[in-house]
Amino acid sequence: MKRSSKWVGLTTVCMLTTVILAGCGAGNDTKQGGTATASAQPTAQATAAVTPKERTLKDAMGHEVKIPAQPKNVIAPFLEDSLTAIGVKPAAQWSAAGEPQQYLQNVLKGVPILDMTGGLKPEQALSHNPDLIILVSPNYMKNGTYEEFSKVAPTYVLSNDENDWRGSLTKLGEVLGKTSEAEQALKKYDQQLSESKDKIRAVVGDKSAVLFQSANEKGFKLFGANFYSGKLLYQGIGFKQPKLLKGDYETYSLEALAQLDDVDYIFVLSGKGRAKPPVDNPLWQQLPAVKQGHAYEVDSGHWFNQNAIANKLVIDDVLKALVK
């Protein structure tokens, strides 16, 4: 009986030990498996969280456009200023008669040039293998239909108002996933404009100015309050408009020069291919602004423009000319 009891007891202990060890082994397997599953699951979640997904956005023409998650080759003619402001380099850049926007070449030097004669062409866009095409307005596809461009790459039309550069910059940031960068660019610009406006007004007071473009024997043009840098001069900095100024981009005869006698400052567009001002014309020579040395040549590259970087350069030019 004693030996039998011992044998039963030993058998029981062994069985219990086996169960316990099996349980521990199972526990370890479960724990290891659980750990592996747990570690894999957050990795998958993290990957999903950091990997942007393709988005569908409605453009200004009402098209539902599938925007790539991370576009690498963007073509956005005449939006290079805004692209640069938010830190995006395009696959190709706008040009006029083969000349790109020179004031951006410190960043865009070497970027291929687009032939923009008559507007962007679908086959030209295709040659740069874009994964996204962004157009300022429908006017930028005069050489092709929307359907032709969209066959090349997803095509997004920003606006129906080419003059709304602020809205275009904001929308561009949204399309490219650069919302905060666009907000910062506008914030910095507004701060510079506010500070510079105060400096200019403190020095020159309530004065008038014009942005003057010579047209040789045809006369000259003046930029109005809603046309490129004319908008910045009048609505931004706050210069008074002369009595002669009509419309946004009108042509005036050379005889009308005499009517610029109420202008305090004349900013004259200059640059490659630009006509020279009529400096030999007696009517020009008799203008008060000219006689006082208040006629300044300015680079048409950024003055014939209105965007965050271009406008900053215009403000710098005005400060340099007027705030000694």
C-alpha atoms as a PDB file:
ATOM      1  CA  MET A   1       0.000   0.000   0.000  1.00  0.00           C
ATOM      2  CA  LYS A   2       2.788   2.383   0.793  1.00  0.00           C
ATOM      3  CA  ARG A   3       4.618   1.647  -2.447  1.00  0.00           C
ATOM      4  CA  SER A   4       1.348   2.029  -4.355  1.00  0.00           C
ATOM      5  CA  SER A   5       0.640   5.327  -2.647  1.00  0.00           C
ATOM      6  CA  LYS A   6       4.105   6.596  -3.447  1.00  0.00           C
ATOM      7  CA  TRP A   7       3.707   5.541  -7.076  1.00  0.00           C
ATOM      8  CA  VAL A   8       0.351   7.297  -7.365  1.00  0.00           C
ATOM      9  CA  GLY A   9       1.776  10.360  -5.722  1.00  0.00           C
ATOM     10  CA  LEU A  10       4.784  10.439  -8.031  1.00  0.00           C
ATOM     11  CA  THR A  11       2.557   9.928 -11.048  1.00  0.00           C
ATOM     12  CA  THR A  12       0.321  12.750  -9.925  1.00  0.00           C
ATOM     13  CA  VAL A  13       3.281  15.116  -9.462  1.00  0.00           C
ATOM     14  CA  CYS A  14       4.607  14.253 -12.907  1.00  0.00           C
ATOM     15  CA  MET A  15       1.240  14.837 -14.471  1.00  0.00           C
ATOM     16  CA  LEU A  16       0.867  18.153 -12.697  1.00  0.00           C
ATOM     17  CA  THR A  17       4.371  19.156 -13.717  1.00  0.00           C
ATOM     18  CA  THR A  18       3.621  18.246 -17.330  1.00  0.00           C
ATOM     19  CA  VAL A  19       0.400  20.286 -17.286  1.00  0.00           C
ATOM     20  CA  ILE A  20       2.160  23.234 -15.693  1.00  0.00           C
ATOM     21  CA  LEU A  21       5.022  23.098 -18.184  1.00  0.00           C
ATOM     22  CA  ALA A  22       2.574  22.737 -21.049  1.00  0.00           C
ATOM     23  CA  GLY A  23       0.638  25.675 -19.686  1.00  0.00           C
ATOM     24  CA  CYS A  24       3.785  27.741 -19.401  1.00  0.00           C
ATOM     25  CA  GLY A  25       4.794  26.753 -22.895  1.00  0.00           C
ATOM     26  CA  ALA A  26       1.378  27.643 -24.204  1.00  0.00           C
ATOM     27  CA  GLY A  27       1.531  30.888 -22.297  1.00  0.00           C
ATOM     28  CA  ASN A  28       4.902  31.663 -23.784  1.00  0.00           C
ATOM     29  CA  ASP A  29       3.693  30.824 -27.287  1.00  0.00           C
ATOM     30  CA  THR A  30       0.652  32.991 -26.808  1.00  0.00           C
ATOM     31  CA  LYS A  31       2.726  35.814 -25.406  1.00  0.00           C
ATOM     32  CA  GLN A  32       5.256  35.582 -28.195  1.00  0.00           C
ATOM     33  CA  GLY A  33       2.560  35.316 -30.813  1.00  0.00           C
ATOM     34  CA  GLY A  34       0.679  38.176 -29.184  1.00  0.00           C
ATOM     35  CA  THR A  35       3.814  40.235 -29.021  1.00  0.00           C
ATOM     36  CA  ALA A  36       4.529  39.602 -32.690  1.00  0.00           C
ATOM     37  CA  THR A  37       0.964  40.434 -33.620  1.00  0.00           C
ATOM     38  CA  ALA A  38       0.920  43.527 -31.415  1.00  0.00           C
ATOM     39  CA  SER A  39       4.218  44.772 -32.797  1.00  0.00           C
ATOM     40  CA  ALA A  40       3.089  44.136 -36.378  1.00  0.00           C
ATOM     41  CA  GLN A  41      -0.259  45.820 -35.909  1.00  0.00           C
ATOM     42  CA  PRO A  42       1.057  49.249 -34.774  1.00  0.00           C
ATOM     43  CA  THR A  43       3.579  49.111 -37.630  1.00  0.00           C
ATOM     44  CA  ALA A  44       0.744  48.674 -40.101  1.00  0.00           C
ATOM     45  CA  GLN A  45      -1.224  51.450 -38.413  1.00  0.00           C
ATOM     46  CA  ALA A  46       1.817  53.724 -38.382  1.00  0.00           C
ATOM     47  CA  THR A  47       2.410  53.021 -42.067  1.00  0.00           C
ATOM     48  CA  ALA A  48      -1.195  53.869 -42.852  1.00  0.00           C
ATOM     49  CA  ALA A  49      -0.917  57.041 -40.787  1.00  0.00           C
ATOM     50  CA  VAL A  50       2.225  58.383 -42.441  1.00  0.00           C
ATOM     51  CA  THR A  51       1.486  57.296 -46.014  1.00  0.00           C
ATOM     52  CA  PRO A  52      -0.741  59.915 -47.669  1.00  0.00           C
ATOM     53  CA  LYS A  53      -3.626  58.637 -49.707  1.00  0.00           C
ATOM     54  CA  GLU A  54      -4.788  59.782 -53.119  1.00  0.00           C
ATOM     55  CA  ARG A  55      -7.380  62.539 -52.704  1.00  0.00           C
ATOM     56  CA  THR A  56     -10.240  63.666 -54.919  1.00  0.00           C
ATOM     57  CA  LEU A  57     -10.718  67.435 -55.094  1.00  0.00           C
ATOM     58  CA  LYS A  58     -13.125  69.517 -57.158  1.00  0.00           C
ATOM     59  CA  ASP A  59     -11.422  72.183 -59.285  1.00  0.00           C
ATOM     60  CA  ALA A  60     -12.658  75.592 -60.455  1.00  0.00           C
ATOM     61  CA  MET A  61     -14.275  74.034 -63.526  1.00  0.00           C
ATOM     62  CA  GLY A  62     -16.173  71.466 -61.475  1.00  0.00           C
ATOM     63  CA  HIS A  63     -13.983  68.489 -62.352  1.00  0.00           C
ATOM     64  CA  GLU A  64     -13.457  65.789 -59.728  1.00  0.00           C
ATOM     65  CA  VAL A  65      -9.680  65.432 -59.886  1.00  0.00           C
ATOM     66  CA  LYS A  66      -7.738  62.569 -58.307  1.00  0.00           C
ATOM     67  CA  ILE A  67      -4.664  64.185 -56.780  1.00  0.00           C
ATOM     68  CA  PRO A  68      -1.634  61.864 -56.381  1.00  0.00           C
ATOM     69  CA  ALA A  69      -0.571  61.196 -52.789  1.00  0.00           C
ATOM     70  CA  GLN A  70       2.897  62.665 -53.311  1.00  0.00           C
ATOM     71  CA  PRO A  71       3.232  64.269 -56.760  1.00  0.00           C
ATOM     72  CA  LYS A  72       6.854  64.360 -57.911  1.00  0.00           C
ATOM     73  CA  ASN A  73       6.611  65.989 -61.351  1.00  0.00           C
ATOM     74  CA  VAL A  74       4.305  68.988 -61.193  1.00  0.00           C
ATOM     75  CA  ILE A  75       3.729  71.303 -64.141  1.00  0.00           C
ATOM     76  CA  ALA A  76       2.025  74.564 -63.151  1.00  0.00           C
ATOM     77  CA  PRO A  77       2.849  77.338 -65.661  1.00  0.00           C
ATOM     78  CA  PHE A  78       3.035  80.848 -64.173  1.00  0.00           C
ATOM     79  CA  LEU A  79       2.538  79.406 -60.713  1.00  0.00           C
ATOM     80  CA  GLU A  80       6.278  79.005 -60.157  1.00  0.00           C
ATOM     81  CA  ASP A  81       6.325  81.942 -57.741  1.00  0.00           C
ATOM     82  CA  SER A  82       3.724  80.318 -55.517  1.00  0.00           C
ATOM     83  CA  LEU A  83       5.336  76.885 -55.883  1.00  0.00           C
ATOM     84  CA  THR A  84       8.670  78.344 -54.762  1.00  0.00           C
ATOM     85  CA  ALA A  85       6.990  80.117 -51.845  1.00  0.00           C
ATOM     86  CA  ILE A  86       5.758  76.767 -50.498  1.00  0.00           C
ATOM     87  CA  GLY A  87       8.950  74.862 -51.281  1.00  0.00           C
ATOM     88  CA  VAL A  88       7.961  72.932 -54.415  1.00  0.00           C
ATOM     89  CA  LYS A  89      10.164  72.797 -57.532  1.00  0.00           C
ATOM     90  CA  PRO A  90       8.229  72.202 -60.781  1.00  0.00           C
ATOM     91  CA  ALA A  91       9.190  69.704 -63.492  1.00  0.00           C
ATOM     92  CA  ALA A  92       9.236  72.541 -66.059  1.00  0.00           C
ATOM     93  CA  GLN A  93       8.745  76.310 -65.884  1.00  0.00           C
ATOM     94  CA  TRP A  94       6.806  79.017 -67.720  1.00  0.00           C
ATOM     95  CA  SER A  95       8.525  81.367 -70.135  1.00  0.00           C
ATOM     96  CA  ALA A  96       7.774  84.285 -72.433  1.00  0.00           C
ATOM     97  CA  ALA A  97       9.586  84.131 -75.780  1.00  0.00           C
ATOM     98  CA  GLY A  98      11.855  81.530 -74.230  1.00  0.00           C
ATOM     99  CA  GLU A  99      12.691  83.674 -71.193  1.00  0.00           C
ATOM    100  CA  PRO A 100      11.742  82.292 -67.761  1.00  0.00           C
ATOM    101  CA  GLN A 101      10.968  84.494 -64.787  1.00  0.00           C
ATOM    102  CA  GLN A 102      14.475  85.688 -64.008  1.00  0.00           C
ATOM    103  CA  TYR A 103      13.767  86.681 -60.418  1.00  0.00           C
ATOM    104  CA  LEU A 104      13.136  83.012 -59.589  1.00  0.00           C
ATOM    105  CA  GLN A 105      16.218  81.574 -61.242  1.00  0.00           C
ATOM    106  CA  ASN A 106      18.210  81.463 -58.015  1.00  0.00           C
ATOM    107  CA  VAL A 107      15.910  78.534 -57.223  1.00  0.00           C
ATOM    108  CA  LEU A 108      14.730  77.357 -60.655  1.00  0.00           C
ATOM    109  CA  LYS A 109      17.977  77.532 -62.629  1.00  0.00           C
ATOM    110  CA  GLY A 110      18.255  74.396 -64.737  1.00  0.00           C
ATOM    111  CA  VAL A 111      14.531  73.600 -64.662  1.00  0.00           C
ATOM    112  CA  PRO A 112      13.374  72.955 -68.279  1.00  0.00           C
ATOM    113  CA  ILE A 113      11.605  75.811 -70.077  1.00  0.00           C
ATOM    114  CA  LEU A 114       8.048  75.541 -71.399  1.00  0.00           C
ATOM    115  CA  ASP A 115       7.141  77.146 -74.717  1.00  0.00           C
ATOM    116  CA  MET A 116       4.053  79.086 -73.665  1.00  0.00           C
ATOM    117  CA  THR A 117       3.260  80.608 -77.078  1.00  0.00           C
ATOM    118  CA  GLY A 118      -0.530  80.602 -77.111  1.00  0.00           C
ATOM    119  CA  GLY A 119      -0.619  78.593 -73.905  1.00  0.00           C
ATOM    120  CA  LEU A 120       0.479  75.174 -72.699  1.00  0.00           C
ATOM    121  CA  LYS A 121       0.214  72.311 -75.196  1.00  0.00           C
ATOM    122  CA  PRO A 122      -0.799  68.783 -74.080  1.00  0.00           C
ATOM    123  CA  GLU A 123       2.035  67.139 -76.034  1.00  0.00           C
ATOM    124  CA  GLN A 124       4.559  69.499 -74.466  1.00  0.00           C
ATOM    125  CA  ALA A 125       3.255  68.707 -71.000  1.00  0.00           C
ATOM    126  CA  LEU A 126       3.530  64.988 -71.835  1.00  0.00           C
ATOM    127  CA  SER A 127       7.210  65.376 -72.753  1.00  0.00           C
ATOM    128  CA  HIS A 128       7.989  66.244 -69.107  1.00  0.00           C
ATOM    129  CA  ASN A 129       6.180  63.155 -67.744  1.00  0.00           C
ATOM    130  CA  PRO A 130       4.091  65.023 -65.144  1.00  0.00           C
ATOM    131  CA  ASP A 131       2.049  63.240 -62.520  1.00  0.00           C
ATOM    132  CA  LEU A 132       0.007  66.404 -61.908  1.00  0.00           C
ATOM    133  CA  ILE A 133      -0.843  69.440 -64.045  1.00  0.00           C
ATOM    134  CA  ILE A 134      -2.095  72.595 -62.327  1.00  0.00           C
ATOM    135  CA  LEU A 135      -3.446  75.499 -64.361  1.00  0.00           C
ATOM    136  CA  VAL A 136      -4.060  78.999 -63.001  1.00  0.00           C
ATOM    137  CA  SER A 137      -7.283  79.299 -64.998  1.00  0.00           C
ATOM    138  CA  PRO A 138      -9.003  77.831 -68.081  1.00  0.00           C
ATOM    139  CA  ASN A 139      -7.129  80.441 -70.169  1.00  0.00           C
ATOM    140  CA  TYR A 140      -3.984  78.360 -69.791  1.00  0.00           C
ATOM    141  CA  MET A 141      -5.265  75.530 -71.993  1.00  0.00           C
ATOM    142  CA  LYS A 142      -6.028  77.427 -75.174  1.00  0.00           C
ATOM    143  CA  ASN A 143      -3.908  74.947 -77.131  1.00  0.00           C
ATOM    144  CA  GLY A 144      -5.861  71.929 -75.933  1.00  0.00           C
ATOM    145  CA  THR A 145      -9.022  70.758 -74.209  1.00  0.00           C
ATOM    146  CA  TYR A 146      -9.303  69.746 -70.583  1.00  0.00           C
ATOM    147  CA  GLU A 147      -9.849  66.156 -71.679  1.00  0.00           C
ATOM    148  CA  GLU A 148      -6.577  66.186 -73.648  1.00  0.00           C
ATOM    149  CA  PHE A 149      -4.626  67.472 -70.648  1.00  0.00           C
ATOM    150  CA  SER A 150      -6.284  65.039 -68.254  1.00  0.00           C
ATOM    151  CA  LYS A 151      -5.123  62.144 -70.452  1.00  0.00           C
ATOM    152  CA  VAL A 152      -1.554  63.302 -69.870  1.00  0.00           C
ATOM    153  CA  ALA A 153      -1.928  63.594 -66.077  1.00  0.00           C
ATOM    154  CA  PRO A 154      -4.553  64.573 -63.493  1.00  0.00           C
ATOM    155  CA  THR A 155      -5.304  68.217 -64.313  1.00  0.00           C
ATOM    156  CA  TYR A 156      -6.511  70.725 -61.728  1.00  0.00           C
ATOM    157  CA  VAL A 157      -7.724  74.246 -62.620  1.00  0.00           C
ATOM    158  CA  LEU A 158      -7.178  76.557 -59.658  1.00  0.00           C
ATOM    159  CA  SER A 159      -9.444  79.499 -60.316  1.00  0.00           C
ATOM    160  CA  ASN A 160     -11.559  81.518 -62.712  1.00  0.00           C
ATOM    161  CA  ASP A 161      -9.925  84.701 -61.410  1.00  0.00           C
ATOM    162  CA  GLU A 162      -6.278  85.041 -62.429  1.00  0.00           C
ATOM    163  CA  ASN A 163      -5.942  88.200 -60.327  1.00  0.00           C
ATOM    164  CA  ASP A 164      -6.690  86.382 -57.060  1.00  0.00           C
ATOM    165  CA  TRP A 165      -3.092  85.385 -56.339  1.00  0.00           C
ATOM    166  CA  ARG A 166      -3.770  84.962 -52.622  1.00  0.00           C
ATOM    167  CA  GLY A 167      -6.636  82.569 -53.254  1.00  0.00           C
ATOM    168  CA  SER A 168      -4.542  80.696 -55.805  1.00  0.00           C
ATOM    169  CA  LEU A 169      -1.652  80.318 -53.345  1.00  0.00           C
ATOM    170  CA  THR A 170      -4.004  79.023 -50.657  1.00  0.00           C
ATOM    171  CA  LYS A 171      -5.644  76.555 -53.036  1.00  0.00           C
ATOM    172  CA  LEU A 172      -2.262  75.458 -54.379  1.00  0.00           C
ATOM    173  CA  GLY A 173      -1.171  74.644 -50.833  1.00  0.00           C
ATOM    174  CA  GLU A 174      -4.312  72.578 -50.346  1.00  0.00           C
ATOM    175  CA  VAL A 175      -3.830  70.650 -53.594  1.00  0.00           C
ATOM    176  CA  LEU A 176      -0.170  69.855 -52.879  1.00  0.00           C
ATOM    177  CA  GLY A 177      -0.575  69.115 -49.183  1.00  0.00           C
ATOM    178  CA  LYS A 178       1.289  72.302 -48.254  1.00  0.00           C
ATOM    179  CA  THR A 179      -1.455  74.157 -46.409  1.00  0.00           C
ATOM    180  CA  SER A 180       0.714  75.310 -43.511  1.00  0.00           C
ATOM    181  CA  GLU A 181       3.479  76.451 -45.885  1.00  0.00           C
ATOM    182  CA  ALA A 182       0.981  78.540 -47.852  1.00  0.00           C
ATOM    183  CA  GLU A 183      -0.378  80.076 -44.664  1.00  0.00           C
ATOM    184  CA  GLN A 184       3.140  80.960 -43.508  1.00  0.00           C
ATOM    185  CA  ALA A 185       4.020  82.503 -46.880  1.00  0.00           C
ATOM    186  CA  LEU A 186       0.956  84.752 -46.725  1.00  0.00           C
ATOM    187  CA  LYS A 187       1.583  85.630 -43.098  1.00  0.00           C
ATOM    188  CA  LYS A 188       5.184  86.681 -43.784  1.00  0.00           C
ATOM    189  CA  TYR A 189       4.113  88.681 -46.813  1.00  0.00           C
ATOM    190  CA  ASP A 190       1.355  90.512 -44.935  1.00  0.00           C
ATOM    191  CA  GLN A 191       3.772  91.362 -42.150  1.00  0.00           C
ATOM    192  CA  GLN A 192       6.322  92.772 -44.598  1.00  0.00           C
ATOM    193  CA  LEU A 193       3.674  94.781 -46.426  1.00  0.00           C
ATOM    194  CA  SER A 194       2.334  96.255 -43.193  1.00  0.00           C
ATOM    195  CA  GLU A 195       5.768  97.220 -41.885  1.00  0.00           C
ATOM    196  CA  SER A 196       6.953  98.576 -45.237  1.00  0.00           C
ATOM    197  CA  LYS A 197       3.767 100.531 -45.837  1.00  0.00           C
ATOM    198  CA  ASP A 198       4.263 102.329 -42.533  1.00  0.00           C
ATOM    199  CA  LYS A 199       7.873 103.166 -43.426  1.00  0.00           C
ATOM    200  CA  ILE A 200       6.946 104.460 -46.871  1.00  0.00           C
ATOM    201  CA  ARG A 201       4.030 106.544 -45.647  1.00  0.00           C
ATOM    202  CA  ALA A 202       6.147 108.007 -42.872  1.00  0.00           C
ATOM    203  CA  VAL A 203       8.672 109.271 -45.410  1.00  0.00           C
ATOM    204  CA  VAL A 204       6.587 110.285 -48.438  1.00  0.00           C
ATOM    205  CA  GLY A 205       3.183 110.937 -46.906  1.00  0.00           C
ATOM    206  CA  ASP A 206       0.085 111.049 -49.127  1.00  0.00           C
ATOM    207  CA  LYS A 207       1.730 110.925 -52.561  1.00  0.00           C
ATOM    208  CA  SER A 208       0.757 109.682 -56.011  1.00  0.00           C
ATOM    209  CA  ALA A 209       2.563 107.168 -58.216  1.00  0.00           C
ATOM    210  CA  VAL A 210       2.232 105.345 -61.528  1.00  0.00           C
ATOM    211  CA  LEU A 211       3.640 102.184 -63.046  1.00  0.00           C
ATOM    212  CA  PHE A 212       4.638 103.272 -66.555  1.00  0.00           C
ATOM    213  CA  GLN A 213       5.247 101.044 -69.578  1.00  0.00           C
ATOM    214  CA  SER A 214       6.605 102.654 -72.719  1.00  0.00           C
ATOM    215  CA  ALA A 215       5.109 101.569 -76.033  1.00  0.00           C
ATOM    216  CA  ASN A 216       7.487 103.441 -78.357  1.00  0.00           C
ATOM    217  CA  GLU A 217       5.678 105.493 -81.005  1.00  0.00           C
ATOM    218  CA  LYS A 218       2.336 104.101 -79.846  1.00  0.00           C
ATOM    219  CA  GLY A 219       2.572 106.015 -76.589  1.00  0.00           C
ATOM    220  CA  PHE A 220       2.571 104.406 -73.163  1.00  0.00           C
ATOM    221  CA  LYS A 221       0.545 102.209 -70.850  1.00  0.00           C
ATOM    222  CA  LEU A 222      -0.321 102.679 -67.186  1.00  0.00           C
ATOM    223  CA  PHE A 223      -1.136  99.910 -64.720  1.00  0.00           C
ATOM    224  CA  GLY A 224      -4.460 100.391 -62.967  1.00  0.00           C
ATOM    225  CA  ALA A 225      -5.510  99.525 -59.441  1.00  0.00           C
ATOM    226  CA  ASN A 226      -6.476  95.955 -60.372  1.00  0.00           C
ATOM    227  CA  PHE A 227      -3.626  95.073 -62.725  1.00  0.00           C
ATOM    228  CA  TYR A 228      -0.519  93.261 -61.497  1.00  0.00           C
ATOM    229  CA  SER A 229       1.772  95.581 -59.483  1.00  0.00           C
ATOM    230  CA  GLY A 230      -0.644  98.455 -59.927  1.00  0.00           C
ATOM    231  CA  LYS A 231      -2.806  96.649 -57.409  1.00  0.00           C
ATOM    232  CA  LEU A 232       0.057  96.581 -54.913  1.00  0.00           C
ATOM    233  CA  LEU A 233       0.899 100.260 -55.446  1.00  0.00           C
ATOM    234  CA  TYR A 234      -2.637 101.522 -54.935  1.00  0.00           C
ATOM    235  CA  GLN A 235      -4.469  98.939 -52.841  1.00  0.00           C
ATOM    236  CA  GLY A 236      -1.472  97.600 -50.937  1.00  0.00           C
ATOM    237  CA  ILE A 237       0.954 100.443 -50.275  1.00  0.00           C
ATOM    238  CA  GLY A 238      -1.687 103.128 -50.671  1.00  0.00           C
ATOM    239  CA  PHE A 239      -0.336 105.552 -53.299  1.00  0.00           C
ATOM    240  CA  LYS A 240      -2.837 107.983 -54.804  1.00  0.00           C
ATOM    241  CA  GLN A 241      -3.870 107.491 -58.424  1.00  0.00           C
ATOM    242  CA  PRO A 242      -3.226 110.304 -60.940  1.00  0.00           C
ATOM    243  CA  LYS A 243      -6.148 111.947 -62.705  1.00  0.00           C
ATOM    244  CA  LEU A 244      -5.095 110.501 -66.078  1.00  0.00           C
ATOM    245  CA  LEU A 245      -5.347 106.875 -64.988  1.00  0.00           C
ATOM    246  CA  LYS A 246      -8.335 105.099 -66.529  1.00  0.00           C
ATOM    247  CA  GLY A 247      -8.999 101.381 -66.566  1.00  0.00           C
ATOM    248  CA  ASP A 248      -6.505  98.678 -65.684  1.00  0.00           C
ATOM    249  CA  TYR A 249      -4.106  98.580 -68.629  1.00  0.00           C
ATOM    250  CA  GLU A 250      -4.910 101.347 -71.079  1.00  0.00           C
ATOM    251  CA  THR A 251      -2.734 102.852 -73.811  1.00  0.00           C
ATOM    252  CA  TYR A 252      -2.239 106.634 -73.891  1.00  0.00           C
ATOM    253  CA  SER A 253      -0.770 108.859 -76.589  1.00  0.00           C
ATOM    254  CA  LEU A 254       2.572 110.562 -76.032  1.00  0.00           C
ATOM    255  CA  GLU A 255       0.721 113.878 -75.919  1.00  0.00           C
ATOM    256  CA  ALA A 256      -0.959 112.642 -72.744  1.00  0.00           C
ATOM    257  CA  LEU A 257       2.411 112.714 -70.967  1.00  0.00           C
ATOM    258  CA  ALA A 258       1.677 116.313 -69.996  1.00  0.00           C
ATOM    259  CA  GLN A 259      -1.259 115.082 -67.905  1.00  0.00           C
ATOM    260  CA  LEU A 260       1.087 113.191 -65.584  1.00  0.00           C
ATOM    261  CA  ASP A 261       1.946 116.517 -63.953  1.00  0.00           C
ATOM    262  CA  ASP A 262       0.208 115.448 -60.724  1.00  0.00           C
ATOM    263  CA  VAL A 263       2.357 112.323 -60.307  1.00  0.00           C
ATOM    264  CA  ASP A 264       4.969 112.337 -57.555  1.00  0.00           C
ATOM    265  CA  TYR A 265       6.723 109.048 -58.413  1.00  0.00           C
ATOM    266  CA  ILE A 266       7.030 107.206 -61.718  1.00  0.00           C
ATOM    267  CA  PHE A 267       8.108 103.558 -61.778  1.00  0.00           C
ATOM    268  CA  VAL A 268       9.193 102.660 -65.327  1.00  0.00           C
ATOM    269  CA  LEU A 269       9.137  99.036 -66.467  1.00  0.00           C
ATOM    270  CA  SER A 270      12.491  97.962 -67.856  1.00  0.00           C
ATOM    271  CA  GLY A 271      14.104  94.736 -68.923  1.00  0.00           C
ATOM    272  CA  LYS A 272      14.970  92.601 -71.908  1.00  0.00           C
ATOM    273  CA  GLY A 273      12.696  93.401 -74.835  1.00  0.00           C
ATOM    274  CA  ARG A 274      11.059  96.362 -73.112  1.00  0.00           C
ATOM    275  CA  ALA A 275      10.788  99.692 -74.901  1.00  0.00           C
ATOM    276  CA  LYS A 276      12.749 102.569 -73.386  1.00  0.00           C
ATOM    277  CA  PRO A 277      10.913 105.494 -71.781  1.00  0.00           C
ATOM    278  CA  PRO A 278      10.595 108.656 -73.918  1.00  0.00           C
ATOM    279  CA  VAL A 279      13.438 110.431 -72.136  1.00  0.00           C
ATOM    280  CA  ASP A 280      14.125 112.733 -75.118  1.00  0.00           C
ATOM    281  CA  ASN A 281      10.541 113.941 -75.311  1.00  0.00           C
ATOM    282  CA  PRO A 282      10.177 117.501 -73.933  1.00  0.00           C
ATOM    283  CA  LEU A 283       6.854 116.538 -72.351  1.00  0.00           C
ATOM    284  CA  TRP A 284       8.614 113.809 -70.381  1.00  0.00           C
ATOM    285  CA  GLN A 285      11.448 116.106 -69.394  1.00  0.00           C
ATOM    286  CA  GLN A 286       9.017 118.692 -68.026  1.00  0.00           C
ATOM    287  CA  LEU A 287       7.198 116.317 -65.714  1.00  0.00           C
ATOM    288  CA  PRO A 288       7.679 117.292 -62.033  1.00  0.00           C
ATOM    289  CA  ALA A 289       8.558 113.712 -61.041  1.00  0.00           C
ATOM    290  CA  VAL A 290      11.230 113.531 -63.748  1.00  0.00           C
ATOM    291  CA  LYS A 291      12.697 116.949 -62.902  1.00  0.00           C
ATOM    292  CA  GLN A 292      12.930 115.961 -59.225  1.00  0.00           C
ATOM    293  CA  GLY A 293      14.638 112.666 -60.033  1.00  0.00           C
ATOM    294  CA  HIS A 294      11.632 110.624 -58.991  1.00  0.00           C
ATOM    295  CA  ALA A 295      11.448 108.384 -62.068  1.00  0.00           C
ATOM    296  CA  TYR A 296      12.835 104.915 -61.333  1.00  0.00           C
ATOM    297  CA  GLU A 297      13.471 102.020 -63.704  1.00  0.00           C
ATOM    298  CA  VAL A 298      12.198  98.744 -62.279  1.00  0.00           C
ATOM    299  CA  ASP A 299      12.525  95.141 -63.421  1.00  0.00           C
ATOM    300  CA  SER A 300       9.467  94.025 -65.356  1.00  0.00           C
ATOM    301  CA  GLY A 301      10.196  90.425 -64.339  1.00  0.00           C
ATOM    302  CA  HIS A 302       8.638  90.883 -60.912  1.00  0.00           C
ATOM    303  CA  TRP A 303       6.737  94.151 -61.450  1.00  0.00           C
ATOM    304  CA  PHE A 304       4.673  92.659 -64.279  1.00  0.00           C
ATOM    305  CA  ASN A 305       3.475  90.097 -61.782  1.00  0.00           C
ATOM    306  CA  GLN A 306       1.571  89.650 -58.542  1.00  0.00           C
ATOM    307  CA  ASN A 307       2.554  86.830 -56.255  1.00  0.00           C
ATOM    308  CA  ALA A 308       4.123  86.442 -52.832  1.00  0.00           C
ATOM    309  CA  ILE A 309       7.782  86.550 -53.894  1.00  0.00           C
ATOM    310  CA  ALA A 310       7.297  89.052 -56.731  1.00  0.00           C
ATOM    311  CA  ASN A 311       5.362  91.414 -54.478  1.00  0.00           C
ATOM    312  CA  LYS A 312       8.070  91.250 -51.816  1.00  0.00           C
ATOM    313  CA  LEU A 313      10.630  92.297 -54.431  1.00  0.00           C
ATOM    314  CA  VAL A 314       8.400  95.166 -55.573  1.00  0.00           C
ATOM    315  CA  ILE A 315       8.111  96.387 -52.000  1.00  0.00           C
ATOM    316  CA  ASP A 316      11.896  96.171 -51.648  1.00  0.00           C
ATOM    317  CA  ASP A 317      12.300  98.297 -54.802  1.00  0.00           C
ATOM    318  CA  VAL A 318       9.936 100.964 -53.492  1.00  0.00           C
ATOM    319  CA  LEU A 319      11.709 101.032 -50.140  1.00  0.00           C
ATOM    320  CA  LYS A 320      15.096 101.332 -51.831  1.00  0.00           C
ATOM    321  CA  ALA A 321      13.903 104.178 -54.035  1.00  0.00           C
ATOM    322  CA  LEU A 322      11.937 106.233 -51.545  1.00  0.00           C
ATOM    323  CA  VAL A 323      13.118 105.393 -48.029  1.00  0.00           C
ATOM    324  CA  LYS A 324      16.711 106.589 -47.757  1.00  0.00           C
END
